[in-house]
Amino acid sequence: MRKIGIIDLGSNTTRLIVMAYDPGYCFRLVDEVSEVVRLAEGVGSNRMLRSEPIQRAVTALSMFERFCRSTGVEQIVAVGTSAIREAANQEEFWAALRRETTLDLRIISAQEEAYYGFLGAANALQLRDGFSFDTGGGSTQVVAVRGGRPTESYSVQAGVLRFTEQYVNSDPISKQDLRNLRAAARRAFADITWLYAGPGQGLVGMGGTVRTLARIDQKARNHPIDRVHAHTINRASLAAISEQLIRKGRREREQIPGLKGDRADVTLAGAVIIEALMDQGGFNELVISGQGVREGLFYTYFLAGSDPPILADPRGFTILNLARLTHFEEAHCRKVAELSLSLFDQLASLHHYGPWERELLGYAALIHDIGVAIGYYDHHKHGEYLIHNGALLGFSHRETVLIAALVRNHRKGFADASAYAGLLQPDDELRIARLSALLRIAEYLERGKSQVVRAVRVELGEVVRIIVESEGDASLEIWDATRRAGLFRKAYACELEIVLK
């Protein structure tokens, strides 16, 4: 697999991701490093970068470059955003950079920054219609998305570091400072007439500020998944977080669960900026994307030749990506999926589920054995762990829990998902049991991994009969599937027979 390093030098933070990938086939995050450099610190109306922030940024970039060179990264792509883009003394920065690194840093325009952020969000959350925004240290970019393409973009100098320095002159913030901060945030987005919460048009947020707000929200709610990607924050929760930040001084804010110390001074301004953006468009909630500009840049290499470089089916791709990274037995897994879905379709009058459950069952079948990459024993448990920690693209947290539960239950026993009760619906335990039962029967009808079972036919009655059509000796498969039918009998409250045609 190729290795590429993507560096994003922002106004507040510089970040590096290292991706290993086979173009168009699969990829994985190898490493991630970030450093708060505050490059735009102290920049006034003269737009002059100060020497100390320049040196902090160059030191971080030099460290990232050495890291990439020493770990076999073949290609480094480095970009700079608003702080350098707007600086009147760019040459001072370039001179310092050339003294300490050989990086070919490219300054991207506000439109390019918005575009790469859109690519990250579109691939991470299957954003096809709606809006995305990225609030950084110096600016905020907003993009309208229609039919999977960006149709409008807007960039404004409303960033967390910039607004903190301009409007937050007291600790805790004074009423006057707060009024000035909120007024500036409202002015920043007042001209975006195309931003509105229409039917099916959600809002996706990126950047360190929205991730911080998501962590605070998760801690406050005892959210059972410790991952901000795909987390949803509603407007009322954001207002509650803002009120916390308003009432507390910096030292008190550092004690708020989920708020890192290096963001204790700038997160209030960020929250106010995002509140103003949501209010301008009338949004009641926003979804957090764990991917942004860096990942958007990566997709231009991973999907080179595509216009735009967007995964046609992020959900299907991320399942196959996880399967490929764990070297799954494709013929076996696809057969288990085929049998599972056949049972699902023929038993529709018993379970009454629809396309959504069918889709999740099919995905779980494709990756039911990924835990074998860790070890055969307890591989159903290993698979559950890999799903929860694999950052699936395009899935909500609830969907991730359901898929992981099906994989966990595909072999034996029944592990309920009570640890994730806060994410689930009241009928999800039965949903998990019924879908797990189908996956388990399909798995054991493919026990020999030889596709000897060609198809299944279901006869409904007082006793449900699964009639097996085979192309060889399927006695082992029928015997083992019958042994594992207890979950089916319990979940569907009926007897089951599995017989050879």
Protein backbone atom coordinates (compact mmCIF):
# COMPACT_ATOMS: atom_id res chain seq x y z
CA MET A 1 0.00 0.00 0.00
CA ARG A 2 1.13 3.55 -0.69
CA LYS A 3 1.65 5.98 2.19
CA ILE A 4 0.79 9.66 1.97
CA GLY A 5 1.07 12.38 4.60
CA ILE A 6 -1.38 15.30 4.52
CA ILE A 7 -0.46 18.43 6.52
CA ASP A 8 -2.94 21.23 7.15
CA LEU A 9 -1.43 24.40 8.63
CA GLY A 10 -4.34 26.33 10.12
CA SER A 11 -4.59 29.59 11.98
CA ASN A 12 -4.84 27.84 15.34
CA THR A 13 -3.64 24.26 14.87
CA THR A 14 -1.48 22.36 12.42
CA ARG A 15 -2.35 18.71 11.82
CA LEU A 16 -0.85 15.73 10.06
CA ILE A 17 -2.57 12.54 8.96
CA VAL A 18 -0.77 9.58 7.39
CA MET A 19 -2.88 7.34 5.17
CA ALA A 20 -1.95 3.96 3.67
CA TYR A 21 -3.98 3.13 0.58
CA ASP A 22 -4.47 1.16 -2.59
CA PRO A 23 -6.06 3.66 -5.01
CA GLY A 24 -9.81 3.19 -5.27
CA TYR A 25 -9.71 -0.09 -3.33
CA CYS A 26 -9.04 0.42 0.38
CA PHE A 27 -7.30 2.73 2.85
CA ARG A 28 -6.58 3.14 6.54
CA LEU A 29 -5.40 5.90 8.84
CA VAL A 30 -1.87 5.04 9.95
CA ASP A 31 -1.10 7.99 12.20
CA GLU A 32 -2.30 11.41 13.26
CA VAL A 33 -0.44 14.24 14.98
CA SER A 34 -1.59 17.75 15.85
CA GLU A 35 0.00 20.76 17.48
CA VAL A 36 -1.56 24.04 18.60
CA VAL A 37 0.66 26.72 17.03
CA ARG A 38 -1.67 29.76 17.08
CA LEU A 39 -0.13 31.12 13.88
CA ALA A 40 -2.68 33.94 13.72
CA GLU A 41 -2.05 35.01 17.33
CA GLY A 42 -1.71 38.77 17.67
CA VAL A 43 -2.47 39.51 14.02
CA GLY A 44 -4.12 42.90 13.93
CA SER A 45 -5.56 45.09 11.20
CA ASN A 46 -2.09 45.34 9.59
CA ARG A 47 -2.27 41.56 8.89
CA MET A 48 1.31 40.99 10.10
CA LEU A 49 2.21 37.54 11.41
CA ARG A 50 4.33 37.74 14.55
CA SER A 51 7.75 36.10 14.77
CA GLU A 52 6.98 33.74 17.68
CA PRO A 53 3.88 32.16 16.07
CA ILE A 54 5.79 31.81 12.79
CA GLN A 55 8.55 29.94 14.59
CA ARG A 56 6.04 27.69 16.40
CA ALA A 57 4.41 26.81 13.09
CA VAL A 58 7.72 26.15 11.31
CA THR A 59 8.97 24.00 14.19
CA ALA A 60 5.81 21.89 14.03
CA LEU A 61 6.03 21.55 10.24
CA SER A 62 9.67 20.53 10.48
CA MET A 63 8.80 17.92 13.10
CA PHE A 64 5.99 16.55 10.89
CA GLU A 65 8.30 16.36 7.88
CA ARG A 66 10.97 14.45 9.83
CA PHE A 67 8.32 12.11 11.16
CA CYS A 68 7.08 11.35 7.64
CA ARG A 69 10.60 10.81 6.26
CA SER A 70 11.52 8.44 9.08
CA THR A 71 8.35 6.34 8.80
CA GLY A 72 8.47 5.64 5.08
CA VAL A 73 5.85 8.12 3.89
CA GLU A 74 6.42 8.35 0.13
CA GLN A 75 4.50 11.57 -0.52
CA ILE A 76 3.83 14.63 1.63
CA VAL A 77 1.11 17.10 0.71
CA ALA A 78 1.16 20.30 2.80
CA VAL A 79 -1.31 23.18 2.61
CA GLY A 80 -1.75 26.46 4.45
CA THR A 81 -5.01 28.30 4.98
CA SER A 82 -6.30 31.69 6.09
CA ALA A 83 -3.48 32.85 8.39
CA ILE A 84 -0.84 32.74 5.66
CA ARG A 85 -3.30 33.50 2.89
CA GLU A 86 -4.11 36.87 4.45
CA ALA A 87 -0.68 37.73 5.87
CA ALA A 88 1.01 40.91 4.68
CA ASN A 89 4.46 39.52 5.59
CA GLN A 90 4.30 36.14 3.89
CA GLU A 91 7.96 36.34 2.91
CA GLU A 92 9.01 36.24 6.55
CA PHE A 93 7.10 32.98 6.94
CA TRP A 94 8.53 31.51 3.72
CA ALA A 95 12.08 32.38 4.73
CA ALA A 96 11.68 30.67 8.10
CA LEU A 97 10.07 27.64 6.46
CA ARG A 98 12.86 27.25 3.89
CA ARG A 99 15.53 27.44 6.60
CA GLU A 100 14.13 24.45 8.49
CA THR A 101 12.20 22.27 6.03
CA THR A 102 12.06 21.15 2.42
CA LEU A 103 8.25 21.09 2.42
CA ASP A 104 6.48 22.29 -0.69
CA LEU A 105 3.71 24.09 1.15
CA ARG A 106 0.78 25.25 -0.99
CA ILE A 107 -1.45 28.12 0.11
CA ILE A 108 -5.00 27.20 -0.83
CA SER A 109 -7.70 29.76 -1.52
CA ALA A 110 -10.83 30.12 0.61
CA GLN A 111 -12.80 28.40 -2.17
CA GLU A 112 -10.35 25.47 -2.26
CA GLU A 113 -10.46 25.18 1.52
CA ALA A 114 -14.26 25.02 1.40
CA TYR A 115 -14.14 22.44 -1.41
CA TYR A 116 -11.74 20.09 0.36
CA GLY A 117 -13.81 20.34 3.53
CA PHE A 118 -16.89 19.45 1.48
CA LEU A 119 -15.11 16.38 0.06
CA GLY A 120 -14.23 15.19 3.55
CA ALA A 121 -17.80 15.60 4.81
CA ALA A 122 -19.45 14.19 1.68
CA ASN A 123 -17.41 10.99 1.90
CA ALA A 124 -17.64 10.68 5.67
CA LEU A 125 -21.38 11.22 6.09
CA GLN A 126 -22.86 10.56 2.64
CA LEU A 127 -23.74 14.25 2.37
CA ARG A 128 -25.62 14.65 -0.92
CA ASP A 129 -28.05 17.48 -0.16
CA GLY A 130 -27.54 20.01 2.61
CA PHE A 131 -24.79 22.23 3.95
CA SER A 132 -21.34 21.85 5.44
CA PHE A 133 -19.19 24.30 7.36
CA ASP A 134 -15.68 24.35 8.77
CA THR A 135 -14.86 26.77 11.58
CA GLY A 136 -11.13 27.19 12.10
CA GLY A 137 -8.90 29.62 13.94
CA GLY A 138 -9.14 32.43 11.41
CA SER A 139 -12.20 31.82 9.26
CA THR A 140 -15.35 29.82 8.58
CA GLN A 141 -16.22 28.25 5.23
CA VAL A 142 -19.81 27.29 4.36
CA VAL A 143 -20.82 25.13 1.39
CA ALA A 144 -24.22 24.30 -0.09
CA VAL A 145 -24.49 20.78 -1.52
CA ARG A 146 -27.01 19.68 -4.13
CA GLY A 147 -27.00 16.28 -5.79
CA GLY A 148 -23.59 15.46 -4.34
CA ARG A 149 -21.92 18.58 -5.71
CA PRO A 150 -21.05 21.95 -4.13
CA THR A 151 -23.25 24.66 -5.58
CA GLU A 152 -22.47 27.68 -3.37
CA SER A 153 -19.59 28.56 -1.07
CA TYR A 154 -18.97 31.36 1.40
CA SER A 155 -15.90 32.28 3.42
CA VAL A 156 -15.79 34.83 6.21
CA GLN A 157 -13.15 35.92 8.70
CA ALA A 158 -15.04 34.45 11.64
CA GLY A 159 -12.60 32.11 13.36
CA VAL A 160 -12.24 31.10 16.99
CA LEU A 161 -8.81 32.64 17.53
CA ARG A 162 -9.61 35.79 15.56
CA PHE A 163 -12.92 36.41 17.38
CA THR A 164 -11.45 35.59 20.79
CA GLU A 165 -8.73 38.19 20.34
CA GLN A 166 -11.11 40.80 18.92
CA TYR A 167 -14.08 40.47 21.26
CA VAL A 168 -13.24 38.50 24.41
CA ASN A 169 -11.45 40.96 26.66
CA SER A 170 -12.70 39.74 30.04
CA ASP A 171 -12.66 36.51 32.04
CA PRO A 172 -15.38 35.43 32.61
CA ILE A 173 -16.71 37.27 29.60
CA SER A 174 -18.52 40.50 30.41
CA LYS A 175 -22.04 41.25 29.20
CA GLN A 176 -20.73 43.93 26.84
CA ASP A 177 -18.07 41.66 25.37
CA LEU A 178 -20.69 38.94 24.92
CA ARG A 179 -23.03 41.34 23.12
CA ASN A 180 -20.19 42.42 20.82
CA LEU A 181 -19.18 38.82 20.14
CA ARG A 182 -22.72 37.73 19.30
CA ALA A 183 -23.33 40.79 17.12
CA ALA A 184 -20.13 40.09 15.15
CA ALA A 185 -21.11 36.46 14.68
CA ARG A 186 -24.56 37.43 13.39
CA ARG A 187 -23.03 39.95 10.97
CA ALA A 188 -20.63 37.32 9.68
CA PHE A 189 -23.42 35.17 8.24
CA ALA A 190 -26.15 37.74 7.59
CA ASP A 191 -25.51 37.77 3.83
CA ILE A 192 -25.86 34.00 3.23
CA THR A 193 -29.33 34.03 1.72
CA TRP A 194 -29.01 30.46 0.36
CA LEU A 195 -28.45 28.90 3.81
CA TYR A 196 -31.71 27.38 5.04
CA ALA A 197 -32.94 24.19 6.69
CA GLY A 198 -35.10 22.74 3.94
CA PRO A 199 -36.66 19.25 3.92
CA GLY A 200 -33.92 16.63 4.00
CA GLN A 201 -31.20 19.26 4.09
CA GLY A 202 -29.09 18.93 7.19
CA LEU A 203 -26.04 20.77 8.49
CA VAL A 204 -22.63 19.11 8.85
CA GLY A 205 -19.88 20.71 10.93
CA MET A 206 -16.09 20.23 10.79
CA GLY A 207 -13.09 21.50 12.67
CA GLY A 208 -11.61 21.43 16.14
CA THR A 209 -14.35 23.58 17.66
CA VAL A 210 -17.28 21.38 16.64
CA ARG A 211 -15.36 18.29 17.75
CA THR A 212 -14.75 19.93 21.13
CA LEU A 213 -18.41 20.86 21.50
CA ALA A 214 -19.36 17.29 20.59
CA ARG A 215 -17.05 15.88 23.28
CA ILE A 216 -18.56 18.21 25.89
CA ASP A 217 -22.07 17.18 24.81
CA GLN A 218 -21.19 13.49 24.93
CA LYS A 219 -19.71 13.74 28.43
CA ALA A 220 -22.76 15.64 29.66
CA ARG A 221 -25.07 12.95 28.28
CA ASN A 222 -22.93 9.93 29.23
CA HIS A 223 -22.91 9.06 25.55
CA PRO A 224 -21.89 5.38 25.26
CA ILE A 225 -19.67 5.78 22.17
CA ASP A 226 -16.44 7.71 22.62
CA ARG A 227 -16.25 8.97 19.05
CA VAL A 228 -17.40 12.38 17.81
CA HIS A 229 -17.75 11.43 14.15
CA ALA A 230 -21.46 11.23 13.27
CA HIS A 231 -22.48 12.63 16.67
CA THR A 232 -25.49 14.98 16.54
CA ILE A 233 -25.81 18.13 18.66
CA ASN A 234 -29.16 19.91 18.83
CA ARG A 235 -29.51 23.67 19.13
CA ALA A 236 -30.71 23.52 22.75
CA SER A 237 -27.69 21.47 23.81
CA LEU A 238 -25.36 23.92 22.09
CA ALA A 239 -27.04 26.80 23.95
CA ALA A 240 -26.54 24.96 27.26
CA ILE A 241 -22.84 24.48 26.52
CA SER A 242 -22.49 28.17 25.61
CA GLU A 243 -24.11 29.19 28.91
CA GLN A 244 -21.58 27.04 30.77
CA LEU A 245 -18.70 28.70 28.94
CA ILE A 246 -20.16 32.19 29.51
CA ARG A 247 -20.49 31.73 33.28
CA LYS A 248 -17.03 30.28 33.88
CA GLY A 249 -13.58 31.77 33.80
CA ARG A 250 -10.78 30.04 31.88
CA ARG A 251 -9.56 27.94 34.81
CA GLU A 252 -13.09 26.75 35.51
CA ARG A 253 -13.65 25.97 31.84
CA GLU A 254 -10.57 23.75 31.87
CA GLN A 255 -12.45 21.49 34.29
CA ILE A 256 -15.43 20.97 31.96
CA PRO A 257 -15.43 17.28 30.90
CA GLY A 258 -14.55 16.99 27.23
CA LEU A 259 -12.87 20.40 26.95
CA LYS A 260 -9.12 20.25 26.41
CA GLY A 261 -7.04 22.85 28.20
CA ASP A 262 -5.54 24.30 25.00
CA ARG A 263 -9.04 25.18 23.79
CA ALA A 264 -10.42 26.59 27.04
CA ASP A 265 -9.93 30.18 25.87
CA VAL A 266 -11.26 29.94 22.30
CA THR A 267 -14.20 27.53 22.49
CA LEU A 268 -16.70 30.15 23.68
CA ALA A 269 -16.12 32.25 20.57
CA GLY A 270 -16.44 29.10 18.49
CA ALA A 271 -19.75 28.16 20.10
CA VAL A 272 -21.15 31.64 19.49
CA ILE A 273 -20.05 31.55 15.84
CA ILE A 274 -21.74 28.17 15.31
CA GLU A 275 -24.91 29.30 17.11
CA ALA A 276 -25.14 32.29 14.78
CA LEU A 277 -24.63 30.08 11.73
CA MET A 278 -27.35 27.66 12.85
CA ASP A 279 -29.75 30.50 13.60
CA GLN A 280 -29.12 32.14 10.23
CA GLY A 281 -30.20 28.95 8.47
CA GLY A 282 -32.86 27.90 10.98
CA PHE A 283 -31.14 24.59 11.85
CA ASN A 284 -32.21 22.68 14.96
CA GLU A 285 -29.25 20.32 14.92
CA LEU A 286 -25.90 19.65 13.33
CA VAL A 287 -23.95 16.46 12.65
CA ILE A 288 -20.22 16.33 13.30
CA SER A 289 -17.89 15.06 10.59
CA GLY A 290 -14.65 13.50 11.77
CA GLN A 291 -13.22 14.21 8.34
CA GLY A 292 -12.39 17.61 6.91
CA VAL A 293 -9.85 19.40 4.74
CA ARG A 294 -7.05 16.87 5.21
CA GLU A 295 -9.23 13.90 4.36
CA GLY A 296 -10.77 15.84 1.48
CA LEU A 297 -7.28 16.33 0.06
CA PHE A 298 -6.60 12.62 0.51
CA TYR A 299 -9.66 11.66 -1.53
CA THR A 300 -8.29 13.59 -4.51
CA TYR A 301 -5.46 11.04 -4.55
CA PHE A 302 -7.43 7.96 -3.50
CA LEU A 303 -10.16 8.63 -6.08
CA ALA A 304 -7.95 10.26 -8.70
CA GLY A 305 -9.83 10.62 -11.96
CA SER A 306 -13.25 10.97 -10.35
CA ASP A 307 -15.06 14.29 -10.67
CA PRO A 308 -15.76 15.08 -7.94
CA PRO A 309 -13.69 12.55 -5.94
CA ILE A 310 -16.63 11.25 -3.94
CA LEU A 311 -17.38 7.65 -3.06
CA ALA A 312 -20.49 6.53 -4.95
CA ASP A 313 -21.68 4.58 -1.89
CA PRO A 314 -19.80 5.56 1.29
CA ARG A 315 -21.72 3.05 3.43
CA GLY A 316 -21.07 0.12 1.13
CA PHE A 317 -17.48 1.19 0.60
CA THR A 318 -16.64 1.52 4.29
CA ILE A 319 -17.97 -2.00 4.95
CA LEU A 320 -15.88 -3.44 2.11
CA ASN A 321 -12.92 -1.32 3.20
CA LEU A 322 -13.02 -2.85 6.68
CA ALA A 323 -13.45 -6.32 5.18
CA ARG A 324 -10.51 -5.86 2.80
CA LEU A 325 -8.23 -4.49 5.51
CA THR A 326 -8.90 -7.63 7.57
CA HIS A 327 -8.41 -9.96 4.57
CA PHE A 328 -11.92 -11.41 4.61
CA GLU A 329 -12.86 -14.57 2.74
CA GLU A 330 -14.97 -12.85 0.13
CA ALA A 331 -16.74 -15.86 -1.42
CA HIS A 332 -17.78 -17.14 2.02
CA CYS A 333 -18.97 -13.76 3.29
CA ARG A 334 -20.93 -12.96 0.16
CA LYS A 335 -22.64 -16.36 0.38
CA VAL A 336 -23.58 -15.73 4.02
CA ALA A 337 -24.99 -12.35 2.96
CA GLU A 338 -26.97 -13.96 0.12
CA LEU A 339 -28.49 -16.60 2.42
CA SER A 340 -29.20 -14.08 5.20
CA LEU A 341 -31.05 -11.76 2.84
CA SER A 342 -32.97 -14.62 1.26
CA LEU A 343 -34.20 -15.68 4.71
CA PHE A 344 -35.02 -12.07 5.53
CA ASP A 345 -37.12 -11.63 2.40
CA GLN A 346 -39.02 -14.89 2.84
CA LEU A 347 -39.74 -14.25 6.52
CA ALA A 348 -41.00 -10.67 6.02
CA SER A 349 -44.50 -11.59 7.20
CA LEU A 350 -43.05 -12.67 10.55
CA HIS A 351 -40.58 -9.88 11.29
CA HIS A 352 -42.27 -6.95 9.43
CA TYR A 353 -38.95 -5.17 8.87
CA GLY A 354 -38.06 -3.14 5.79
CA PRO A 355 -35.19 -1.98 3.54
CA TRP A 356 -33.24 -0.36 6.37
CA GLU A 357 -32.96 -3.53 8.46
CA ARG A 358 -32.24 -5.54 5.30
CA GLU A 359 -29.35 -3.23 4.46
CA LEU A 360 -27.82 -3.51 7.95
CA LEU A 361 -28.15 -7.31 7.90
CA GLY A 362 -26.39 -7.49 4.55
CA TYR A 363 -23.55 -5.30 5.78
CA ALA A 364 -23.16 -7.33 8.98
CA ALA A 365 -22.99 -10.54 6.93
CA LEU A 366 -20.15 -9.18 4.79
CA ILE A 367 -18.00 -8.39 7.84
CA HIS A 368 -19.22 -11.05 10.29
CA ASP A 369 -15.81 -12.80 10.31
CA ILE A 370 -13.46 -9.78 10.43
CA GLY A 371 -12.49 -10.66 14.01
CA VAL A 372 -10.54 -13.66 12.68
CA ALA A 373 -7.85 -11.14 11.75
CA ILE A 374 -7.16 -10.92 15.50
CA GLY A 375 -7.76 -14.59 16.33
CA TYR A 376 -10.25 -17.36 15.64
CA TYR A 377 -11.24 -17.90 19.24
CA ASP A 378 -13.87 -15.30 20.23
CA HIS A 379 -13.64 -13.76 16.77
CA HIS A 380 -17.27 -12.65 17.09
CA LYS A 381 -16.18 -10.47 20.04
CA HIS A 382 -13.12 -9.22 18.18
CA GLY A 383 -15.36 -8.30 15.24
CA GLU A 384 -17.63 -6.25 17.48
CA TYR A 385 -14.59 -4.37 18.79
CA LEU A 386 -13.26 -3.68 15.28
CA ILE A 387 -16.61 -2.27 14.16
CA HIS A 388 -16.86 0.06 17.13
CA ASN A 389 -13.32 1.27 16.58
CA GLY A 390 -13.23 1.26 12.79
CA ALA A 391 -14.88 4.69 12.28
CA LEU A 392 -17.45 3.46 9.78
CA LEU A 393 -18.34 6.14 7.24
CA GLY A 394 -21.94 7.09 6.58
CA PHE A 395 -23.46 5.30 9.58
CA SER A 396 -25.13 6.83 12.62
CA HIS A 397 -24.02 5.72 16.06
CA ARG A 398 -27.21 3.69 16.44
CA GLU A 399 -26.58 1.88 13.16
CA THR A 400 -23.00 1.12 14.19
CA VAL A 401 -24.27 -0.41 17.44
CA LEU A 402 -26.79 -2.57 15.56
CA ILE A 403 -24.24 -3.87 13.03
CA ALA A 404 -21.72 -4.59 15.79
CA ALA A 405 -24.39 -6.48 17.77
CA LEU A 406 -25.26 -8.67 14.78
CA VAL A 407 -21.60 -9.54 14.27
CA ARG A 408 -21.20 -10.29 17.97
CA ASN A 409 -24.20 -12.66 17.90
CA HIS A 410 -23.47 -14.52 14.65
CA ARG A 411 -21.90 -17.55 16.36
CA LYS A 412 -23.46 -18.39 19.71
CA GLY A 413 -25.21 -16.97 22.74
CA PHE A 414 -26.85 -13.58 22.71
CA ALA A 415 -25.07 -10.48 23.97
CA ASP A 416 -27.61 -7.72 24.35
CA ALA A 417 -26.72 -4.11 23.60
CA SER A 418 -27.87 -2.69 26.93
CA ALA A 419 -24.58 -0.81 27.33
CA TYR A 420 -25.72 1.34 24.41
CA ALA A 421 -29.31 1.79 25.62
CA GLY A 422 -29.08 5.57 25.31
CA LEU A 423 -28.66 5.23 21.55
CA LEU A 424 -31.26 2.55 20.87
CA GLN A 425 -35.00 2.45 20.31
CA PRO A 426 -37.27 0.38 22.61
CA ASP A 427 -37.72 -2.38 20.02
CA ASP A 428 -34.06 -2.64 19.01
CA GLU A 429 -33.33 -5.59 21.31
CA LEU A 430 -35.93 -7.69 19.47
CA ARG A 431 -34.67 -6.31 16.14
CA ILE A 432 -31.13 -7.40 17.03
CA ALA A 433 -32.32 -10.86 18.11
CA ARG A 434 -34.35 -11.51 14.96
CA LEU A 435 -31.68 -10.30 12.55
CA SER A 436 -28.93 -12.11 14.48
CA ALA A 437 -30.93 -15.35 14.23
CA LEU A 438 -31.02 -15.09 10.43
CA LEU A 439 -27.31 -14.29 10.21
CA ARG A 440 -26.47 -17.22 12.48
CA ILE A 441 -28.45 -19.74 10.43
CA ALA A 442 -26.89 -18.42 7.22
CA GLU A 443 -23.42 -18.67 8.75
CA TYR A 444 -23.86 -22.31 9.68
CA LEU A 445 -25.43 -23.19 6.35
CA GLU A 446 -22.07 -21.98 4.99
CA ARG A 447 -20.17 -23.88 7.67
CA GLY A 448 -17.74 -25.52 5.28
CA LYS A 449 -17.06 -22.26 3.43
CA SER A 450 -17.57 -24.14 0.17
CA GLN A 451 -20.90 -22.66 -0.96
CA VAL A 452 -22.39 -26.18 -1.00
CA VAL A 453 -25.78 -24.71 -0.06
CA ARG A 454 -27.05 -23.16 -3.26
CA ALA A 455 -30.29 -21.62 -1.99
CA VAL A 456 -32.94 -21.79 0.72
CA ARG A 457 -36.71 -21.86 0.50
CA VAL A 458 -38.95 -21.08 3.47
CA GLU A 459 -42.32 -22.67 4.15
CA LEU A 460 -44.43 -20.88 6.75
CA GLY A 461 -46.82 -22.71 9.03
CA GLU A 462 -47.10 -23.83 12.62
CA VAL A 463 -43.52 -24.95 12.12
CA VAL A 464 -41.25 -22.83 9.94
CA ARG A 465 -39.35 -25.04 7.52
CA ILE A 466 -36.13 -23.99 5.79
CA ILE A 467 -35.65 -26.22 2.77
CA VAL A 468 -32.02 -26.38 1.67
CA GLU A 469 -31.04 -26.76 -1.97
CA SER A 470 -27.48 -28.01 -2.28
CA GLU A 471 -24.88 -28.90 -4.87
CA GLY A 472 -23.19 -31.60 -2.87
CA ASP A 473 -23.24 -33.04 0.62
CA ALA A 474 -24.81 -30.42 2.93
CA SER A 475 -25.37 -32.74 5.91
CA LEU A 476 -22.73 -30.98 8.05
CA GLU A 477 -24.25 -27.58 7.32
CA ILE A 478 -27.82 -28.68 8.07
CA TRP A 479 -26.74 -30.41 11.27
CA ASP A 480 -24.82 -27.38 12.57
CA ALA A 481 -27.49 -24.86 11.54
CA THR A 482 -30.11 -26.95 13.35
CA ARG A 483 -27.96 -26.97 16.48
CA ARG A 484 -27.73 -23.17 16.34
CA ALA A 485 -31.44 -22.51 15.78
CA GLY A 486 -32.32 -21.75 19.41
CA LEU A 487 -32.07 -17.98 18.95
CA PHE A 488 -34.44 -18.18 15.98
CA ARG A 489 -37.02 -20.13 17.97
CA LYS A 490 -36.85 -17.62 20.82
CA ALA A 491 -36.84 -14.46 18.69
CA TYR A 492 -39.67 -15.57 16.40
CA ALA A 493 -41.59 -17.58 19.01
CA CYS A 494 -42.03 -20.57 16.72
CA GLU A 495 -40.52 -23.95 15.91
CA LEU A 496 -38.02 -24.40 13.11
CA GLU A 497 -36.98 -27.30 10.92
CA ILE A 498 -34.07 -27.25 8.50
CA VAL A 499 -34.25 -30.00 5.92
CA LEU A 500 -32.63 -30.99 2.63
CA LYS A 501 -34.73 -30.63 -0.50
